[in-house]
Amino acid sequence: MELELSTGTFTPRRDRRPRLEEPPPVRLVAIEDCRLPASAGLEQELDRFYAGLLRFQRLDDSDQLAYKAENQDLRFQIVEGPVTPREMRTLGIAVPSLAELTQRLNDAEIEFVRLQGLMPGTQSLMVYDPAGNPLEITEFGFAL
């Protein structure tokens, strides 16, 4: 089958629909927005960790410290003084590549533990954020 040559010139029409922003390349393993405690004064460190390393998008329209993931939001309750966690529940986060995140964590000199899952080939990283909240990070294909 051969295609005929075009007899006219093609000029695309301008698309007037509003452009959608690309979602952040990180997901929360949750069914609703998540809330974590943090001590006052850690805002810049949390920004470097969540927006810089994990690639969340900082939400500026909120009256509290909040980050947007692809599917949900992560909000922090800022308290004066040290935070004493009532429950040590691990927050699940999924990223596109554990290898890239491992390199970024190593470059930032942030300690983490590599965990092997029950299924062959499943891995995750256990890390604490600057506020001391435990996080388990997996790849998209192996979210909790």
C-alpha atoms as a PDB file:
ATOM      1  CA  MET A   1       0.000   0.000   0.000  1.00  0.00           C
ATOM      2  CA  GLU A   2       1.383   3.395  -0.923  1.00  0.00           C
ATOM      3  CA  LEU A   3       0.277   6.719   0.445  1.00  0.00           C
ATOM      4  CA  GLU A   4      -0.554   9.591  -1.847  1.00  0.00           C
ATOM      5  CA  LEU A   5       1.308  12.843  -1.427  1.00  0.00           C
ATOM      6  CA  SER A   6      -0.609  15.643   0.211  1.00  0.00           C
ATOM      7  CA  THR A   7      -1.871  18.340  -2.072  1.00  0.00           C
ATOM      8  CA  GLY A   8      -2.172  21.060   0.582  1.00  0.00           C
ATOM      9  CA  THR A   9      -0.194  22.334   3.508  1.00  0.00           C
ATOM     10  CA  PHE A  10      -1.128  21.332   7.005  1.00  0.00           C
ATOM     11  CA  THR A  11      -1.418  24.066   9.601  1.00  0.00           C
ATOM     12  CA  PRO A  12      -2.447  22.867  13.057  1.00  0.00           C
ATOM     13  CA  ARG A  13      -5.144  24.807  14.858  1.00  0.00           C
ATOM     14  CA  ARG A  14      -4.387  26.326  18.230  1.00  0.00           C
ATOM     15  CA  ASP A  15      -5.794  24.273  21.074  1.00  0.00           C
ATOM     16  CA  ARG A  16      -7.702  26.664  23.339  1.00  0.00           C
ATOM     17  CA  ARG A  17      -8.345  24.160  26.120  1.00  0.00           C
ATOM     18  CA  PRO A  18      -6.556  24.925  29.400  1.00  0.00           C
ATOM     19  CA  ARG A  19      -3.354  22.953  29.802  1.00  0.00           C
ATOM     20  CA  LEU A  20      -3.192  20.454  32.631  1.00  0.00           C
ATOM     21  CA  GLU A  21      -0.120  20.396  34.834  1.00  0.00           C
ATOM     22  CA  GLU A  22       1.953  17.229  34.900  1.00  0.00           C
ATOM     23  CA  PRO A  23       1.398  15.402  38.224  1.00  0.00           C
ATOM     24  CA  PRO A  24       4.376  14.893  40.533  1.00  0.00           C
ATOM     25  CA  PRO A  25       6.281  11.629  39.924  1.00  0.00           C
ATOM     26  CA  VAL A  26       5.513  10.242  43.375  1.00  0.00           C
ATOM     27  CA  ARG A  27       2.494   8.514  44.919  1.00  0.00           C
ATOM     28  CA  LEU A  28       1.268   8.052  48.447  1.00  0.00           C
ATOM     29  CA  VAL A  29       0.187   4.521  49.275  1.00  0.00           C
ATOM     30  CA  ALA A  30      -3.064   5.745  50.799  1.00  0.00           C
ATOM     31  CA  ILE A  31      -6.742   6.156  50.011  1.00  0.00           C
ATOM     32  CA  GLU A  32      -6.971   9.723  51.340  1.00  0.00           C
ATOM     33  CA  ASP A  33      -4.764  12.660  52.278  1.00  0.00           C
ATOM     34  CA  CYS A  34      -2.140  11.836  54.915  1.00  0.00           C
ATOM     35  CA  ARG A  35      -1.195  13.857  57.975  1.00  0.00           C
ATOM     36  CA  LEU A  36       2.106  13.716  59.836  1.00  0.00           C
ATOM     37  CA  PRO A  37       3.416  15.664  62.838  1.00  0.00           C
ATOM     38  CA  ALA A  38       6.512  17.880  62.674  1.00  0.00           C
ATOM     39  CA  SER A  39       8.268  20.228  65.086  1.00  0.00           C
ATOM     40  CA  ALA A  40       8.313  23.932  64.312  1.00  0.00           C
ATOM     41  CA  GLY A  41      11.489  25.081  62.549  1.00  0.00           C
ATOM     42  CA  LEU A  42      11.836  22.025  60.269  1.00  0.00           C
ATOM     43  CA  GLU A  43      10.001  23.549  57.305  1.00  0.00           C
ATOM     44  CA  GLN A  44      13.113  24.112  55.157  1.00  0.00           C
ATOM     45  CA  GLU A  45      14.477  20.630  55.873  1.00  0.00           C
ATOM     46  CA  LEU A  46      11.095  19.097  55.052  1.00  0.00           C
ATOM     47  CA  ASP A  47      11.021  21.091  51.791  1.00  0.00           C
ATOM     48  CA  ARG A  48      14.457  19.778  50.802  1.00  0.00           C
ATOM     49  CA  PHE A  49      13.436  16.228  51.685  1.00  0.00           C
ATOM     50  CA  TYR A  50       9.919  16.020  50.212  1.00  0.00           C
ATOM     51  CA  ALA A  51      10.105  18.500  47.326  1.00  0.00           C
ATOM     52  CA  GLY A  52      13.806  18.045  46.547  1.00  0.00           C
ATOM     53  CA  LEU A  53      14.552  14.352  47.101  1.00  0.00           C
ATOM     54  CA  LEU A  54      11.171  12.693  46.759  1.00  0.00           C
ATOM     55  CA  ARG A  55       9.828  15.135  44.096  1.00  0.00           C
ATOM     56  CA  PHE A  56       6.552  16.065  45.781  1.00  0.00           C
ATOM     57  CA  GLN A  57       5.061  19.398  44.721  1.00  0.00           C
ATOM     58  CA  ARG A  58       4.811  22.019  47.486  1.00  0.00           C
ATOM     59  CA  LEU A  59       1.277  23.351  47.950  1.00  0.00           C
ATOM     60  CA  ASP A  60       1.311  27.098  48.580  1.00  0.00           C
ATOM     61  CA  ASP A  61      -2.435  27.637  48.773  1.00  0.00           C
ATOM     62  CA  SER A  62      -2.663  25.973  52.162  1.00  0.00           C
ATOM     63  CA  ASP A  63      -2.355  27.552  55.603  1.00  0.00           C
ATOM     64  CA  GLN A  64      -0.241  24.578  56.664  1.00  0.00           C
ATOM     65  CA  LEU A  65       2.818  22.807  55.290  1.00  0.00           C
ATOM     66  CA  ALA A  66       1.514  20.502  52.550  1.00  0.00           C
ATOM     67  CA  TYR A  67       2.838  18.570  49.551  1.00  0.00           C
ATOM     68  CA  LYS A  68       1.022  17.149  46.548  1.00  0.00           C
ATOM     69  CA  ALA A  69       1.659  13.643  45.259  1.00  0.00           C
ATOM     70  CA  GLU A  70       0.137  12.182  42.102  1.00  0.00           C
ATOM     71  CA  ASN A  71      -2.858  10.786  43.954  1.00  0.00           C
ATOM     72  CA  GLN A  72      -3.161  12.439  47.393  1.00  0.00           C
ATOM     73  CA  ASP A  73      -1.770  15.260  49.532  1.00  0.00           C
ATOM     74  CA  LEU A  74       0.625  14.993  52.458  1.00  0.00           C
ATOM     75  CA  ARG A  75      -0.049  17.562  55.188  1.00  0.00           C
ATOM     76  CA  PHE A  76       2.023  18.360  58.256  1.00  0.00           C
ATOM     77  CA  GLN A  77       0.719  19.440  61.623  1.00  0.00           C
ATOM     78  CA  ILE A  78       3.390  21.801  62.943  1.00  0.00           C
ATOM     79  CA  VAL A  79       3.717  21.775  66.744  1.00  0.00           C
ATOM     80  CA  GLU A  80       5.947  23.682  69.128  1.00  0.00           C
ATOM     81  CA  GLY A  81       8.581  21.569  70.854  1.00  0.00           C
ATOM     82  CA  PRO A  82       9.594  17.998  70.115  1.00  0.00           C
ATOM     83  CA  VAL A  83       7.114  15.601  68.573  1.00  0.00           C
ATOM     84  CA  THR A  84       6.439  12.395  70.428  1.00  0.00           C
ATOM     85  CA  PRO A  85       4.739  10.039  67.990  1.00  0.00           C
ATOM     86  CA  ARG A  86       1.746   8.292  69.504  1.00  0.00           C
ATOM     87  CA  GLU A  87       1.818   5.661  66.797  1.00  0.00           C
ATOM     88  CA  MET A  88       4.785   4.655  64.704  1.00  0.00           C
ATOM     89  CA  ARG A  89       2.867   3.868  61.534  1.00  0.00           C
ATOM     90  CA  THR A  90       4.969   3.824  58.428  1.00  0.00           C
ATOM     91  CA  LEU A  91       3.805   6.019  55.558  1.00  0.00           C
ATOM     92  CA  GLY A  92       4.006   4.236  52.210  1.00  0.00           C
ATOM     93  CA  ILE A  93       5.413   6.173  49.256  1.00  0.00           C
ATOM     94  CA  ALA A  94       5.917   4.897  45.692  1.00  0.00           C
ATOM     95  CA  VAL A  95       8.494   6.401  43.306  1.00  0.00           C
ATOM     96  CA  PRO A  96       9.305   5.585  39.656  1.00  0.00           C
ATOM     97  CA  SER A  97      12.830   4.304  40.395  1.00  0.00           C
ATOM     98  CA  LEU A  98      14.355   3.086  43.652  1.00  0.00           C
ATOM     99  CA  ALA A  99      17.807   3.157  42.044  1.00  0.00           C
ATOM    100  CA  GLU A 100      17.551   6.892  41.296  1.00  0.00           C
ATOM    101  CA  LEU A 101      16.185   7.626  44.762  1.00  0.00           C
ATOM    102  CA  THR A 102      18.963   5.567  46.349  1.00  0.00           C
ATOM    103  CA  GLN A 103      21.529   7.686  44.495  1.00  0.00           C
ATOM    104  CA  ARG A 104      19.861  10.932  45.609  1.00  0.00           C
ATOM    105  CA  LEU A 105      19.722   9.725  49.237  1.00  0.00           C
ATOM    106  CA  ASN A 106      23.398   8.741  49.094  1.00  0.00           C
ATOM    107  CA  ASP A 107      24.334  12.124  47.595  1.00  0.00           C
ATOM    108  CA  ALA A 108      22.411  13.896  50.376  1.00  0.00           C
ATOM    109  CA  GLU A 109      24.038  11.590  52.969  1.00  0.00           C
ATOM    110  CA  ILE A 110      20.675  10.440  54.328  1.00  0.00           C
ATOM    111  CA  GLU A 111      20.666   7.057  56.021  1.00  0.00           C
ATOM    112  CA  PHE A 112      18.248   4.381  54.830  1.00  0.00           C
ATOM    113  CA  VAL A 113      17.772   0.630  55.086  1.00  0.00           C
ATOM    114  CA  ARG A 114      17.101  -1.553  52.043  1.00  0.00           C
ATOM    115  CA  LEU A 115      14.393  -4.142  52.729  1.00  0.00           C
ATOM    116  CA  GLN A 116      13.678  -7.309  50.753  1.00  0.00           C
ATOM    117  CA  GLY A 117       9.999  -8.126  50.273  1.00  0.00           C
ATOM    118  CA  LEU A 118       8.274 -11.478  50.528  1.00  0.00           C
ATOM    119  CA  MET A 119       7.805 -11.717  46.765  1.00  0.00           C
ATOM    120  CA  PRO A 120      10.894 -12.266  44.616  1.00  0.00           C
ATOM    121  CA  GLY A 121      12.333  -9.022  43.287  1.00  0.00           C
ATOM    122  CA  THR A 122      10.394  -6.739  45.609  1.00  0.00           C
ATOM    123  CA  GLN A 123      12.481  -4.200  47.462  1.00  0.00           C
ATOM    124  CA  SER A 124      11.792  -1.099  49.476  1.00  0.00           C
ATOM    125  CA  LEU A 125      13.719   1.537  51.370  1.00  0.00           C
ATOM    126  CA  MET A 126      13.033   2.435  54.988  1.00  0.00           C
ATOM    127  CA  VAL A 127      13.967   6.018  55.810  1.00  0.00           C
ATOM    128  CA  TYR A 128      13.049   8.656  58.391  1.00  0.00           C
ATOM    129  CA  ASP A 129      12.065  12.154  57.267  1.00  0.00           C
ATOM    130  CA  PRO A 130      13.592  15.197  59.037  1.00  0.00           C
ATOM    131  CA  ALA A 131      10.674  15.213  61.513  1.00  0.00           C
ATOM    132  CA  GLY A 132      11.370  11.585  62.476  1.00  0.00           C
ATOM    133  CA  ASN A 133       8.402  10.040  60.658  1.00  0.00           C
ATOM    134  CA  PRO A 134       9.118   6.542  59.262  1.00  0.00           C
ATOM    135  CA  LEU A 135       8.623   6.075  55.506  1.00  0.00           C
ATOM    136  CA  GLU A 136       8.679   2.891  53.425  1.00  0.00           C
ATOM    137  CA  ILE A 137       9.431   3.711  49.807  1.00  0.00           C
ATOM    138  CA  THR A 138       8.763   1.284  46.954  1.00  0.00           C
ATOM    139  CA  GLU A 139       8.725   1.475  43.162  1.00  0.00           C
ATOM    140  CA  PHE A 140       5.432   2.076  41.324  1.00  0.00           C
ATOM    141  CA  GLY A 141       5.181  -1.551  40.225  1.00  0.00           C
ATOM    142  CA  PHE A 142       5.499  -2.836  43.787  1.00  0.00           C
ATOM    143  CA  ALA A 143       3.463  -0.377  45.873  1.00  0.00           C
ATOM    144  CA  LEU A 144       2.300  -1.681  49.253  1.00  0.00           C
END
